[in-house]
Amino acid sequence: MNIMVWDMHVHLDFMQNAAEVVQEAESLGLGMFGVTVTPQGYEQITRSLPDSGNIRLAAGLHPWWIADGRCTHWDAERTAAWI
């Protein structure tokens, strides 16, 4: 399969229709780098998305969420465990 890669990242863990977005991207031959906002988002999205050759998922922790206190050093340690 030929896959076009666009310079982007996407927070699939924030999308109610993430599986549809992945399927549509695959049908268009688009590749995506999906970075989560929290470690909980990573756990959820890796369980809920179908296997796809066009999507790469990464555990992330958004700096805004650290700055405003929604995420703590425990979340950072959980995220680092997947890196």
Protein backbone atom coordinates (compact mmCIF):
# COMPACT_ATOMS: atom_id res chain seq x y z
CA MET A 1 0.00 0.00 0.00
CA ASN A 2 1.21 3.52 -0.81
CA ILE A 3 0.78 5.87 2.14
CA MET A 4 1.08 9.63 1.91
CA VAL A 5 2.42 11.17 5.09
CA TRP A 6 1.39 14.69 6.03
CA ASP A 7 3.28 16.83 8.52
CA MET A 8 0.75 16.74 11.35
CA HIS A 9 -0.14 15.22 14.63
CA VAL A 10 -3.64 14.55 15.83
CA HIS A 11 -5.18 13.99 19.26
CA LEU A 12 -7.33 10.97 18.41
CA ASP A 13 -8.11 10.47 22.10
CA PHE A 14 -10.23 13.67 21.96
CA MET A 15 -12.35 12.45 19.05
CA GLN A 16 -15.65 10.65 19.52
CA ASN A 17 -15.25 9.19 16.02
CA ALA A 18 -11.55 8.28 16.11
CA ALA A 19 -12.10 4.89 14.45
CA GLU A 20 -13.95 6.57 11.57
CA VAL A 21 -11.17 9.16 11.19
CA VAL A 22 -8.58 6.35 11.02
CA GLN A 23 -10.60 4.41 8.45
CA GLU A 24 -11.15 7.51 6.30
CA ALA A 25 -7.44 8.40 6.45
CA GLU A 26 -6.55 4.86 5.46
CA SER A 27 -8.96 4.94 2.51
CA LEU A 28 -7.30 8.17 1.34
CA GLY A 29 -3.80 6.74 1.82
CA LEU A 30 -2.95 9.24 4.58
CA GLY A 31 -0.61 8.50 7.45
CA MET A 32 -1.03 10.11 10.88
CA PHE A 33 0.94 10.40 14.07
CA GLY A 34 -1.57 10.22 16.93
CA VAL A 35 -0.28 11.75 20.15
CA THR A 36 -2.46 11.51 23.22
CA VAL A 37 -3.02 14.30 25.72
CA THR A 38 -2.94 12.09 28.83
CA PRO A 39 -1.75 8.60 29.71
CA GLN A 40 -5.40 7.62 30.24
CA GLY A 41 -6.11 8.73 26.67
CA TYR A 42 -3.30 6.51 25.41
CA GLU A 43 -4.66 3.49 27.24
CA GLN A 44 -8.16 4.10 25.88
CA ILE A 45 -7.21 4.80 22.29
CA THR A 46 -4.88 1.81 21.98
CA ARG A 47 -7.73 -0.46 23.12
CA SER A 48 -10.42 1.10 20.94
CA LEU A 49 -8.74 1.64 17.55
CA PRO A 50 -8.52 -1.07 14.94
CA ASP A 51 -5.06 -2.12 13.80
CA SER A 52 -4.04 0.14 10.97
CA GLY A 53 -0.84 0.48 9.00
CA ASN A 54 -1.31 4.20 8.50
CA ILE A 55 -1.52 5.37 12.12
CA ARG A 56 1.26 5.51 14.68
CA LEU A 57 0.21 6.14 18.26
CA ALA A 58 2.32 7.73 20.96
CA ALA A 59 1.72 8.32 24.64
CA GLY A 60 1.74 12.04 25.29
CA LEU A 61 1.17 14.47 28.11
CA HIS A 62 0.11 17.93 27.02
CA PRO A 63 2.16 20.73 28.62
CA TRP A 64 -0.95 22.88 29.15
CA TRP A 65 -2.45 20.14 31.30
CA ILE A 66 0.70 19.98 33.41
CA ALA A 67 0.82 23.76 33.76
CA ASP A 68 -2.77 24.05 34.97
CA GLY A 69 -2.54 21.07 37.34
CA ARG A 70 -4.88 18.66 35.53
CA CYS A 71 -1.94 16.26 35.22
CA THR A 72 0.70 15.59 37.84
CA HIS A 73 4.17 14.08 38.07
CA TRP A 74 2.46 10.67 38.38
CA ASP A 75 0.97 11.16 34.93
CA ALA A 76 4.41 12.12 33.60
CA GLU A 77 5.90 8.93 35.05
CA ARG A 78 3.12 6.81 33.49
CA THR A 79 3.66 8.44 30.13
CA ALA A 80 7.44 8.00 30.32
CA ALA A 81 6.95 4.27 30.94
CA TRP A 82 5.70 3.86 27.34
CA ILE A 83 8.52 5.78 25.73
